[in-house]
Amino acid sequence: MKKCKITVMKKTEYPELSEQYEQPMEHPCDMEVGQTFIADGLKKPEGFCESAWESLYPFVMTLASGGSEIYGDWMKNKTSAMVSCNDGFRPVSFYVEALEEEAEEEN
């Protein structure tokens, strides 16, 4: 399995939707633009948002397994994907790319 680098590219907020539909939250999203994480094979990186991981996992799984061209010829880097988390109030866009080195397999 390859490692995958996950980079936080953009955060968006829809305060009008939050105000109308969401219960107040103290720390709804702690991701910061430019922040990076390394997924070692299929393991969720420490400190990575569980909800975002659920959105990214299928893409990480494909890339970590050696897959490419997830979107056909859409991405310039064939072993990458641009994926957003499923938070409808404050979606975060992530750039996921397979690294050349293989993650150590557990026995």
PDB file of N, CA and C in Angstrom:
ATOM      1  N   MET A   1       0.830  -1.187   0.000  1.00  0.00           N
ATOM      2  CA  MET A   1       0.000   0.000   0.000  1.00  0.00           C
ATOM      3  C   MET A   1       0.876   1.253   0.000  1.00  0.00           C
ATOM      4  N   LYS A   2       0.444   2.224  -0.760  1.00  0.00           N
ATOM      5  CA  LYS A   2       1.144   3.509  -0.787  1.00  0.00           C
ATOM      6  C   LYS A   2       0.593   4.414   0.302  1.00  0.00           C
ATOM      7  N   LYS A   3       1.398   5.364   0.710  1.00  0.00           N
ATOM      8  CA  LYS A   3       0.920   6.419   1.592  1.00  0.00           C
ATOM      9  C   LYS A   3       0.259   7.479   0.720  1.00  0.00           C
ATOM     10  N   CYS A   4      -0.668   8.205   1.298  1.00  0.00           N
ATOM     11  CA  CYS A   4      -1.318   9.307   0.589  1.00  0.00           C
ATOM     12  C   CYS A   4      -1.182  10.586   1.412  1.00  0.00           C
ATOM     13  N   LYS A   5      -0.862  11.651   0.722  1.00  0.00           N
ATOM     14  CA  LYS A   5      -0.789  12.964   1.353  1.00  0.00           C
ATOM     15  C   LYS A   5      -2.123  13.667   1.131  1.00  0.00           C
ATOM     16  N   ILE A   6      -2.669  14.209   2.200  1.00  0.00           N
ATOM     17  CA  ILE A   6      -3.944  14.921   2.152  1.00  0.00           C
ATOM     18  C   ILE A   6      -3.669  16.366   2.554  1.00  0.00           C
ATOM     19  N   THR A   7      -3.993  17.303   1.664  1.00  0.00           N
ATOM     20  CA  THR A   7      -3.760  18.723   1.925  1.00  0.00           C
ATOM     21  C   THR A   7      -5.089  19.463   1.957  1.00  0.00           C
ATOM     22  N   VAL A   8      -5.293  20.262   2.989  1.00  0.00           N
ATOM     23  CA  VAL A   8      -6.491  21.102   3.087  1.00  0.00           C
ATOM     24  C   VAL A   8      -6.294  22.273   2.124  1.00  0.00           C
ATOM     25  N   MET A   9      -7.133  22.355   1.105  1.00  0.00           N
ATOM     26  CA  MET A   9      -6.991  23.370   0.065  1.00  0.00           C
ATOM     27  C   MET A   9      -7.884  24.590   0.280  1.00  0.00           C
ATOM     28  N   LYS A  10      -9.119  24.366   0.742  1.00  0.00           N
ATOM     29  CA  LYS A  10     -10.062  25.485   0.863  1.00  0.00           C
ATOM     30  C   LYS A  10     -11.146  25.138   1.874  1.00  0.00           C
ATOM     31  N   LYS A  11     -11.546  26.147   2.634  1.00  0.00           N
ATOM     32  CA  LYS A  11     -12.669  26.018   3.561  1.00  0.00           C
ATOM     33  C   LYS A  11     -13.735  27.019   3.145  1.00  0.00           C
ATOM     34  N   THR A  12     -14.967  26.581   3.176  1.00  0.00           N
ATOM     35  CA  THR A  12     -16.086  27.451   2.839  1.00  0.00           C
ATOM     36  C   THR A  12     -17.095  27.378   3.980  1.00  0.00           C
ATOM     37  N   GLU A  13     -17.816  28.452   4.195  1.00  0.00           N
ATOM     38  CA  GLU A  13     -18.850  28.449   5.231  1.00  0.00           C
ATOM     39  C   GLU A  13     -20.138  29.038   4.677  1.00  0.00           C
ATOM     40  N   TYR A  14     -21.235  28.491   5.126  1.00  0.00           N
ATOM     41  CA  TYR A  14     -22.555  28.993   4.776  1.00  0.00           C
ATOM     42  C   TYR A  14     -23.275  29.360   6.074  1.00  0.00           C
ATOM     43  N   PRO A  15     -22.940  30.534   6.651  1.00  0.00           N
ATOM     44  CA  PRO A  15     -23.517  30.904   7.958  1.00  0.00           C
ATOM     45  C   PRO A  15     -25.036  31.007   7.939  1.00  0.00           C
ATOM     46  N   GLU A  16     -25.610  31.374   6.807  1.00  0.00           N
ATOM     47  CA  GLU A  16     -27.071  31.486   6.752  1.00  0.00           C
ATOM     48  C   GLU A  16     -27.725  30.119   6.922  1.00  0.00           C
ATOM     49  N   LEU A  17     -27.086  29.072   6.412  1.00  0.00           N
ATOM     50  CA  LEU A  17     -27.619  27.718   6.601  1.00  0.00           C
ATOM     51  C   LEU A  17     -27.410  27.256   8.040  1.00  0.00           C
ATOM     52  N   SER A  18     -26.229  27.554   8.585  1.00  0.00           N
ATOM     53  CA  SER A  18     -25.945  27.188   9.981  1.00  0.00           C
ATOM     54  C   SER A  18     -26.940  27.848  10.924  1.00  0.00           C
ATOM     55  N   GLU A  19     -27.172  29.138  10.709  1.00  0.00           N
ATOM     56  CA  GLU A  19     -28.082  29.884  11.576  1.00  0.00           C
ATOM     57  C   GLU A  19     -29.491  29.316  11.519  1.00  0.00           C
ATOM     58  N   GLN A  20     -29.905  28.919  10.341  1.00  0.00           N
ATOM     59  CA  GLN A  20     -31.278  28.449  10.164  1.00  0.00           C
ATOM     60  C   GLN A  20     -31.479  27.003  10.609  1.00  0.00           C
ATOM     61  N   TYR A  21     -30.476  26.128  10.407  1.00  0.00           N
ATOM     62  CA  TYR A  21     -30.704  24.700  10.596  1.00  0.00           C
ATOM     63  C   TYR A  21     -29.834  23.996  11.637  1.00  0.00           C
ATOM     64  N   GLU A  22     -28.707  24.575  12.006  1.00  0.00           N
ATOM     65  CA  GLU A  22     -27.748  23.845  12.832  1.00  0.00           C
ATOM     66  C   GLU A  22     -27.805  24.270  14.294  1.00  0.00           C
ATOM     67  N   GLN A  23     -27.625  23.294  15.183  1.00  0.00           N
ATOM     68  CA  GLN A  23     -27.451  23.604  16.598  1.00  0.00           C
ATOM     69  C   GLN A  23     -26.099  24.306  16.757  1.00  0.00           C
ATOM     70  N   PRO A  24     -25.994  25.286  17.636  1.00  0.00           N
ATOM     71  CA  PRO A  24     -24.706  25.959  17.827  1.00  0.00           C
ATOM     72  C   PRO A  24     -23.618  24.953  18.243  1.00  0.00           C
ATOM     73  N   MET A  25     -22.431  25.133  17.680  1.00  0.00           N
ATOM     74  CA  MET A  25     -21.298  24.258  17.973  1.00  0.00           C
ATOM     75  C   MET A  25     -20.094  25.120  18.303  1.00  0.00           C
ATOM     76  N   GLU A  26     -19.305  24.697  19.292  1.00  0.00           N
ATOM     77  CA  GLU A  26     -18.145  25.471  19.698  1.00  0.00           C
ATOM     78  C   GLU A  26     -16.985  25.340  18.710  1.00  0.00           C
ATOM     79  N   HIS A  27     -16.650  24.118  18.304  1.00  0.00           N
ATOM     80  CA  HIS A  27     -15.537  23.872  17.366  1.00  0.00           C
ATOM     81  C   HIS A  27     -16.003  22.922  16.267  1.00  0.00           C
ATOM     82  N   PRO A  28     -16.806  23.396  15.337  1.00  0.00           N
ATOM     83  CA  PRO A  28     -17.325  22.479  14.319  1.00  0.00           C
ATOM     84  C   PRO A  28     -16.269  21.965  13.347  1.00  0.00           C
ATOM     85  N   CYS A  29     -15.231  22.732  13.079  1.00  0.00           N
ATOM     86  CA  CYS A  29     -14.203  22.290  12.136  1.00  0.00           C
ATOM     87  C   CYS A  29     -12.871  22.933  12.507  1.00  0.00           C
ATOM     88  N   ASP A  30     -11.895  22.084  12.767  1.00  0.00           N
ATOM     89  CA  ASP A  30     -10.585  22.586  13.164  1.00  0.00           C
ATOM     90  C   ASP A  30      -9.556  22.525  12.035  1.00  0.00           C
ATOM     91  N   MET A  31      -9.972  22.169  10.835  1.00  0.00           N
ATOM     92  CA  MET A  31      -9.047  22.086   9.705  1.00  0.00           C
ATOM     93  C   MET A  31      -8.584  23.487   9.311  1.00  0.00           C
ATOM     94  N   GLU A  32      -7.332  23.599   8.892  1.00  0.00           N
ATOM     95  CA  GLU A  32      -6.765  24.870   8.451  1.00  0.00           C
ATOM     96  C   GLU A  32      -6.225  24.730   7.036  1.00  0.00           C
ATOM     97  N   VAL A  33      -6.460  25.721   6.193  1.00  0.00           N
ATOM     98  CA  VAL A  33      -5.932  25.707   4.825  1.00  0.00           C
ATOM     99  C   VAL A  33      -4.409  25.559   4.893  1.00  0.00           C
ATOM    100  N   GLY A  34      -3.887  24.647   4.087  1.00  0.00           N
ATOM    101  CA  GLY A  34      -2.457  24.384   4.057  1.00  0.00           C
ATOM    102  C   GLY A  34      -2.034  23.236   4.953  1.00  0.00           C
ATOM    103  N   GLN A  35      -2.900  22.844   5.857  1.00  0.00           N
ATOM    104  CA  GLN A  35      -2.589  21.733   6.763  1.00  0.00           C
ATOM    105  C   GLN A  35      -2.462  20.445   5.949  1.00  0.00           C
ATOM    106  N   THR A  36      -1.493  19.601   6.304  1.00  0.00           N
ATOM    107  CA  THR A  36      -1.307  18.333   5.591  1.00  0.00           C
ATOM    108  C   THR A  36      -1.349  17.163   6.560  1.00  0.00           C
ATOM    109  N   PHE A  37      -1.772  16.032   6.024  1.00  0.00           N
ATOM    110  CA  PHE A  37      -1.848  14.783   6.765  1.00  0.00           C
ATOM    111  C   PHE A  37      -1.303  13.683   5.871  1.00  0.00           C
ATOM    112  N   ILE A  38      -0.748  12.637   6.473  1.00  0.00           N
ATOM    113  CA  ILE A  38      -0.309  11.471   5.719  1.00  0.00           C
ATOM    114  C   ILE A  38      -1.155  10.282   6.155  1.00  0.00           C
ATOM    115  N   ALA A  39      -1.844   9.699   5.185  1.00  0.00           N
ATOM    116  CA  ALA A  39      -2.596   8.467   5.441  1.00  0.00           C
ATOM    117  C   ALA A  39      -1.642   7.315   5.137  1.00  0.00           C
ATOM    118  N   ASP A  40      -1.332   6.535   6.152  1.00  0.00           N
ATOM    119  CA  ASP A  40      -0.406   5.410   6.018  1.00  0.00           C
ATOM    120  C   ASP A  40      -1.215   4.196   5.582  1.00  0.00           C
ATOM    121  N   GLY A  41      -1.217   3.961   4.283  1.00  0.00           N
ATOM    122  CA  GLY A  41      -2.089   2.912   3.765  1.00  0.00           C
ATOM    123  C   GLY A  41      -3.526   3.367   3.921  1.00  0.00           C
ATOM    124  N   LEU A  42      -4.316   2.576   4.619  1.00  0.00           N
ATOM    125  CA  LEU A  42      -5.735   2.903   4.763  1.00  0.00           C
ATOM    126  C   LEU A  42      -6.086   3.419   6.154  1.00  0.00           C
ATOM    127  N   LYS A  43      -5.072   3.758   6.943  1.00  0.00           N
ATOM    128  CA  LYS A  43      -5.320   4.263   8.296  1.00  0.00           C
ATOM    129  C   LYS A  43      -5.645   5.751   8.268  1.00  0.00           C
ATOM    130  N   LYS A  44      -6.689   6.122   9.012  1.00  0.00           N
ATOM    131  CA  LYS A  44      -7.046   7.537   9.144  1.00  0.00           C
ATOM    132  C   LYS A  44      -5.904   8.248   9.860  1.00  0.00           C
ATOM    133  N   PRO A  45      -5.445   9.362   9.305  1.00  0.00           N
ATOM    134  CA  PRO A  45      -4.378  10.101   9.985  1.00  0.00           C
ATOM    135  C   PRO A  45      -4.838  10.600  11.356  1.00  0.00           C
ATOM    136  N   GLU A  46      -3.921  10.585  12.302  1.00  0.00           N
ATOM    137  CA  GLU A  46      -4.228  11.073  13.644  1.00  0.00           C
ATOM    138  C   GLU A  46      -4.648  12.539  13.576  1.00  0.00           C
ATOM    139  N   GLY A  47      -5.732  12.865  14.265  1.00  0.00           N
ATOM    140  CA  GLY A  47      -6.218  14.234  14.316  1.00  0.00           C
ATOM    141  C   GLY A  47      -7.069  14.639  13.127  1.00  0.00           C
ATOM    142  N   PHE A  48      -7.310  13.704  12.209  1.00  0.00           N
ATOM    143  CA  PHE A  48      -8.105  14.015  11.022  1.00  0.00           C
ATOM    144  C   PHE A  48      -9.583  13.855  11.357  1.00  0.00           C
ATOM    145  N   CYS A  49     -10.396  14.740  10.861  1.00  0.00           N
ATOM    146  CA  CYS A  49     -11.839  14.737  11.101  1.00  0.00           C
ATOM    147  C   CYS A  49     -12.478  13.417  10.633  1.00  0.00           C
ATOM    148  N   GLU A  50     -13.224  12.789  11.530  1.00  0.00           N
ATOM    149  CA  GLU A  50     -13.867  11.504  11.217  1.00  0.00           C
ATOM    150  C   GLU A  50     -14.851  11.638  10.053  1.00  0.00           C
ATOM    151  N   SER A  51     -15.640  12.688  10.064  1.00  0.00           N
ATOM    152  CA  SER A  51     -16.616  12.897   8.996  1.00  0.00           C
ATOM    153  C   SER A  51     -15.925  13.124   7.642  1.00  0.00           C
ATOM    154  N   ALA A  52     -14.859  13.913   7.641  1.00  0.00           N
ATOM    155  CA  ALA A  52     -14.119  14.140   6.397  1.00  0.00           C
ATOM    156  C   ALA A  52     -13.483  12.841   5.918  1.00  0.00           C
ATOM    157  N   TRP A  53     -12.971  12.028   6.855  1.00  0.00           N
ATOM    158  CA  TRP A  53     -12.351  10.760   6.480  1.00  0.00           C
ATOM    159  C   TRP A  53     -13.359   9.848   5.773  1.00  0.00           C
ATOM    160  N   GLU A  54     -14.593   9.845   6.227  1.00  0.00           N
ATOM    161  CA  GLU A  54     -15.624   9.032   5.576  1.00  0.00           C
ATOM    162  C   GLU A  54     -15.810   9.446   4.120  1.00  0.00           C
ATOM    163  N   SER A  55     -15.673  10.729   3.824  1.00  0.00           N
ATOM    164  CA  SER A  55     -15.796  11.213   2.440  1.00  0.00           C
ATOM    165  C   SER A  55     -14.558  10.866   1.617  1.00  0.00           C
ATOM    166  N   LEU A  56     -13.384  10.950   2.234  1.00  0.00           N
ATOM    167  CA  LEU A  56     -12.127  10.757   1.505  1.00  0.00           C
ATOM    168  C   LEU A  56     -11.705   9.297   1.387  1.00  0.00           C
ATOM    169  N   TYR A  57     -12.154   8.461   2.316  1.00  0.00           N
ATOM    170  CA  TYR A  57     -11.660   7.091   2.383  1.00  0.00           C
ATOM    171  C   TYR A  57     -11.700   6.330   1.048  1.00  0.00           C
ATOM    172  N   PRO A  58     -12.798   6.351   0.288  1.00  0.00           N
ATOM    173  CA  PRO A  58     -12.797   5.602  -0.976  1.00  0.00           C
ATOM    174  C   PRO A  58     -11.701   6.062  -1.948  1.00  0.00           C
ATOM    175  N   PHE A  59     -11.394   7.341  -1.941  1.00  0.00           N
ATOM    176  CA  PHE A  59     -10.366   7.884  -2.825  1.00  0.00           C
ATOM    177  C   PHE A  59      -8.973   7.500  -2.327  1.00  0.00           C
ATOM    178  N   VAL A  60      -8.775   7.598  -1.005  1.00  0.00           N
ATOM    179  CA  VAL A  60      -7.501   7.184  -0.418  1.00  0.00           C
ATOM    180  C   VAL A  60      -7.283   5.693  -0.677  1.00  0.00           C
ATOM    181  N   MET A  61      -8.321   4.880  -0.489  1.00  0.00           N
ATOM    182  CA  MET A  61      -8.219   3.448  -0.710  1.00  0.00           C
ATOM    183  C   MET A  61      -7.792   3.146  -2.149  1.00  0.00           C
ATOM    184  N   THR A  62      -8.397   3.811  -3.103  1.00  0.00           N
ATOM    185  CA  THR A  62      -8.065   3.598  -4.512  1.00  0.00           C
ATOM    186  C   THR A  62      -6.624   3.997  -4.804  1.00  0.00           C
ATOM    187  N   LEU A  63      -6.222   5.183  -4.357  1.00  0.00           N
ATOM    188  CA  LEU A  63      -4.871   5.669  -4.628  1.00  0.00           C
ATOM    189  C   LEU A  63      -3.816   4.865  -3.869  1.00  0.00           C
ATOM    190  N   ALA A  64      -4.087   4.499  -2.611  1.00  0.00           N
ATOM    191  CA  ALA A  64      -3.137   3.722  -1.816  1.00  0.00           C
ATOM    192  C   ALA A  64      -2.943   2.325  -2.410  1.00  0.00           C
ATOM    193  N   SER A  65      -3.956   1.838  -3.092  1.00  0.00           N
ATOM    194  CA  SER A  65      -3.887   0.513  -3.710  1.00  0.00           C
ATOM    195  C   SER A  65      -3.242   0.548  -5.091  1.00  0.00           C
ATOM    196  N   GLY A  66      -2.800   1.720  -5.522  1.00  0.00           N
ATOM    197  CA  GLY A  66      -2.135   1.831  -6.824  1.00  0.00           C
ATOM    198  C   GLY A  66      -3.036   2.300  -7.946  1.00  0.00           C
ATOM    199  N   GLY A  67      -4.275   2.631  -7.630  1.00  0.00           N
ATOM    200  CA  GLY A  67      -5.196   3.112  -8.648  1.00  0.00           C
ATOM    201  C   GLY A  67      -4.803   4.493  -9.145  1.00  0.00           C
ATOM    202  N   SER A  68      -5.311   4.846 -10.302  1.00  0.00           N
ATOM    203  CA  SER A  68      -5.036   6.168 -10.871  1.00  0.00           C
ATOM    204  C   SER A  68      -6.190   6.569 -11.777  1.00  0.00           C
ATOM    205  N   GLU A  69      -6.119   7.780 -12.240  1.00  0.00           N
ATOM    206  CA  GLU A  69      -7.125   8.326 -13.155  1.00  0.00           C
ATOM    207  C   GLU A  69      -8.547   8.115 -12.632  1.00  0.00           C
ATOM    208  N   ILE A  70      -8.734   8.445 -11.363  1.00  0.00           N
ATOM    209  CA  ILE A  70     -10.046   8.280 -10.732  1.00  0.00           C
ATOM    210  C   ILE A  70     -11.111   9.024 -11.519  1.00  0.00           C
ATOM    211  N   TYR A  71     -10.775  10.193 -12.034  1.00  0.00           N
ATOM    212  CA  TYR A  71     -11.720  11.011 -12.790  1.00  0.00           C
ATOM    213  C   TYR A  71     -11.434  10.955 -14.290  1.00  0.00           C
ATOM    214  N   GLY A  72     -10.878   9.878 -14.776  1.00  0.00           N
ATOM    215  CA  GLY A  72     -10.489   9.827 -16.182  1.00  0.00           C
ATOM    216  C   GLY A  72      -9.302  10.751 -16.396  1.00  0.00           C
ATOM    217  N   ASP A  73      -9.415  11.661 -17.320  1.00  0.00           N
ATOM    218  CA  ASP A  73      -8.298  12.578 -17.596  1.00  0.00           C
ATOM    219  C   ASP A  73      -8.514  13.967 -16.988  1.00  0.00           C
ATOM    220  N   TRP A  74      -9.379  14.054 -15.995  1.00  0.00           N
ATOM    221  CA  TRP A  74      -9.721  15.332 -15.389  1.00  0.00           C
ATOM    222  C   TRP A  74      -8.561  15.925 -14.597  1.00  0.00           C
ATOM    223  N   MET A  75      -7.879  15.117 -13.790  1.00  0.00           N
ATOM    224  CA  MET A  75      -6.799  15.604 -12.934  1.00  0.00           C
ATOM    225  C   MET A  75      -5.475  15.615 -13.696  1.00  0.00           C
ATOM    226  N   LYS A  76      -4.678  16.665 -13.509  1.00  0.00           N
ATOM    227  CA  LYS A  76      -3.360  16.743 -14.135  1.00  0.00           C
ATOM    228  C   LYS A  76      -2.444  15.654 -13.594  1.00  0.00           C
ATOM    229  N   ASN A  77      -2.501  15.428 -12.282  1.00  0.00           N
ATOM    230  CA  ASN A  77      -1.747  14.352 -11.653  1.00  0.00           C
ATOM    231  C   ASN A  77      -2.669  13.145 -11.607  1.00  0.00           C
ATOM    232  N   LYS A  78      -2.349  12.100 -12.355  1.00  0.00           N
ATOM    233  CA  LYS A  78      -3.235  10.939 -12.480  1.00  0.00           C
ATOM    234  C   LYS A  78      -3.409  10.163 -11.180  1.00  0.00           C
ATOM    235  N   THR A  79      -2.496  10.358 -10.229  1.00  0.00           N
ATOM    236  CA  THR A  79      -2.613   9.656  -8.949  1.00  0.00           C
ATOM    237  C   THR A  79      -3.030  10.635  -7.847  1.00  0.00           C
ATOM    238  N   SER A  80      -4.046  11.432  -8.155  1.00  0.00           N
ATOM    239  CA  SER A  80      -4.562  12.403  -7.192  1.00  0.00           C
ATOM    240  C   SER A  80      -6.068  12.557  -7.365  1.00  0.00           C
ATOM    241  N   ALA A  81      -6.675  13.215  -6.387  1.00  0.00           N
ATOM    242  CA  ALA A  81      -8.110  13.518  -6.452  1.00  0.00           C
ATOM    243  C   ALA A  81      -8.372  14.776  -5.638  1.00  0.00           C
ATOM    244  N   MET A  82      -9.348  15.553  -6.032  1.00  0.00           N
ATOM    245  CA  MET A  82      -9.816  16.703  -5.267  1.00  0.00           C
ATOM    246  C   MET A  82     -11.175  16.290  -4.709  1.00  0.00           C
ATOM    247  N   VAL A  83     -11.285  16.268  -3.381  1.00  0.00           N
ATOM    248  CA  VAL A  83     -12.475  15.750  -2.727  1.00  0.00           C
ATOM    249  C   VAL A  83     -12.900  16.724  -1.630  1.00  0.00           C
ATOM    250  N   SER A  84     -14.198  16.896  -1.460  1.00  0.00           N
ATOM    251  CA  SER A  84     -14.708  17.739  -0.379  1.00  0.00           C
ATOM    252  C   SER A  84     -15.380  16.872   0.669  1.00  0.00           C
ATOM    253  N   CYS A  85     -15.334  17.323   1.910  1.00  0.00           N
ATOM    254  CA  CYS A  85     -16.037  16.600   2.965  1.00  0.00           C
ATOM    255  C   CYS A  85     -17.539  16.808   2.789  1.00  0.00           C
ATOM    256  N   ASN A  86     -18.309  16.060   3.536  1.00  0.00           N
ATOM    257  CA  ASN A  86     -19.765  16.093   3.361  1.00  0.00           C
ATOM    258  C   ASN A  86     -20.478  17.060   4.304  1.00  0.00           C
ATOM    259  N   ASP A  87     -19.753  18.002   4.896  1.00  0.00           N
ATOM    260  CA  ASP A  87     -20.359  18.993   5.780  1.00  0.00           C
ATOM    261  C   ASP A  87     -21.043  20.062   4.936  1.00  0.00           C
ATOM    262  N   GLY A  88     -22.350  20.059   4.917  1.00  0.00           N
ATOM    263  CA  GLY A  88     -23.089  21.007   4.104  1.00  0.00           C
ATOM    264  C   GLY A  88     -23.069  22.436   4.621  1.00  0.00           C
ATOM    265  N   PHE A  89     -22.655  22.623   5.877  1.00  0.00           N
ATOM    266  CA  PHE A  89     -22.585  23.954   6.456  1.00  0.00           C
ATOM    267  C   PHE A  89     -21.232  24.622   6.226  1.00  0.00           C
ATOM    268  N   ARG A  90     -20.160  23.824   6.200  1.00  0.00           N
ATOM    269  CA  ARG A  90     -18.801  24.354   6.018  1.00  0.00           C
ATOM    270  C   ARG A  90     -17.917  23.314   5.329  1.00  0.00           C
ATOM    271  N   PRO A  91     -18.160  23.077   4.033  1.00  0.00           N
ATOM    272  CA  PRO A  91     -17.369  22.075   3.323  1.00  0.00           C
ATOM    273  C   PRO A  91     -15.889  22.465   3.216  1.00  0.00           C
ATOM    274  N   VAL A  92     -15.054  21.449   3.292  1.00  0.00           N
ATOM    275  CA  VAL A  92     -13.612  21.621   3.166  1.00  0.00           C
ATOM    276  C   VAL A  92     -13.162  20.821   1.954  1.00  0.00           C
ATOM    277  N   SER A  93     -12.354  21.438   1.100  1.00  0.00           N
ATOM    278  CA  SER A  93     -11.816  20.754  -0.078  1.00  0.00           C
ATOM    279  C   SER A  93     -10.415  20.250   0.224  1.00  0.00           C
ATOM    280  N   PHE A  94     -10.177  18.991  -0.137  1.00  0.00           N
ATOM    281  CA  PHE A  94      -8.902  18.330   0.115  1.00  0.00           C
ATOM    282  C   PHE A  94      -8.286  17.851  -1.196  1.00  0.00           C
ATOM    283  N   TYR A  95      -6.966  18.013  -1.312  1.00  0.00           N
ATOM    284  CA  TYR A  95      -6.215  17.440  -2.428  1.00  0.00           C
ATOM    285  C   TYR A  95      -5.551  16.182  -1.889  1.00  0.00           C
ATOM    286  N   VAL A  96      -5.872  15.046  -2.486  1.00  0.00           N
ATOM    287  CA  VAL A  96      -5.340  13.753  -2.059  1.00  0.00           C
ATOM    288  C   VAL A  96      -4.404  13.258  -3.147  1.00  0.00           C
ATOM    289  N   GLU A  97      -3.175  12.915  -2.770  1.00  0.00           N
ATOM    290  CA  GLU A  97      -2.227  12.410  -3.762  1.00  0.00           C
ATOM    291  C   GLU A  97      -1.456  11.222  -3.212  1.00  0.00           C
ATOM    292  N   ALA A  98      -1.285  10.217  -4.060  1.00  0.00           N
ATOM    293  CA  ALA A  98      -0.500   9.039  -3.687  1.00  0.00           C
ATOM    294  C   ALA A  98       0.969   9.418  -3.685  1.00  0.00           C
ATOM    295  N   LEU A  99       1.676   8.933  -2.683  1.00  0.00           N
ATOM    296  CA  LEU A  99       3.119   9.137  -2.614  1.00  0.00           C
ATOM    297  C   LEU A  99       3.800   7.899  -3.193  1.00  0.00           C
ATOM    298  N   GLU A 100       5.001   8.071  -3.685  1.00  0.00           N
ATOM    299  CA  GLU A 100       5.711   6.964  -4.330  1.00  0.00           C
ATOM    300  C   GLU A 100       6.090   5.855  -3.364  1.00  0.00           C
ATOM    301  N   GLU A 101       6.409   6.219  -2.131  1.00  0.00           N
ATOM    302  CA  GLU A 101       6.843   5.199  -1.176  1.00  0.00           C
ATOM    303  C   GLU A 101       5.671   4.346  -0.722  1.00  0.00           C
ATOM    304  N   GLU A 102       5.939   3.109  -0.436  1.00  0.00           N
ATOM    305  CA  GLU A 102       4.904   2.190   0.036  1.00  0.00           C
ATOM    306  C   GLU A 102       4.824   2.256   1.551  1.00  0.00           C
ATOM    307  N   ALA A 103       3.620   2.173   2.085  1.00  0.00           N
ATOM    308  CA  ALA A 103       3.452   2.104   3.539  1.00  0.00           C
ATOM    309  C   ALA A 103       3.820   0.693   3.993  1.00  0.00           C
ATOM    310  N   GLU A 104       4.370   0.563   5.195  1.00  0.00           N
ATOM    311  CA  GLU A 104       4.710  -0.753   5.723  1.00  0.00           C
ATOM    312  C   GLU A 104       3.416  -1.484   6.043  1.00  0.00           C
ATOM    313  N   GLU A 105       3.360  -2.744   5.643  1.00  0.00           N
ATOM    314  CA  GLU A 105       2.156  -3.539   5.925  1.00  0.00           C
ATOM    315  C   GLU A 105       2.262  -4.151   7.301  1.00  0.00           C
ATOM    316  N   GLU A 106       1.124  -4.200   7.997  1.00  0.00           N
ATOM    317  CA  GLU A 106       1.089  -4.807   9.321  1.00  0.00           C
ATOM    318  C   GLU A 106       0.892  -6.307   9.181  1.00  0.00           C
ATOM    319  N   ASN A 107       1.486  -7.064  10.081  1.00  0.00           N
ATOM    320  CA  ASN A 107       1.308  -8.525  10.088  1.00  0.00           C
ATOM    321  C   ASN A 107       0.346  -8.920  11.169  1.00  0.00           C
TER     322      ASN A 107
END
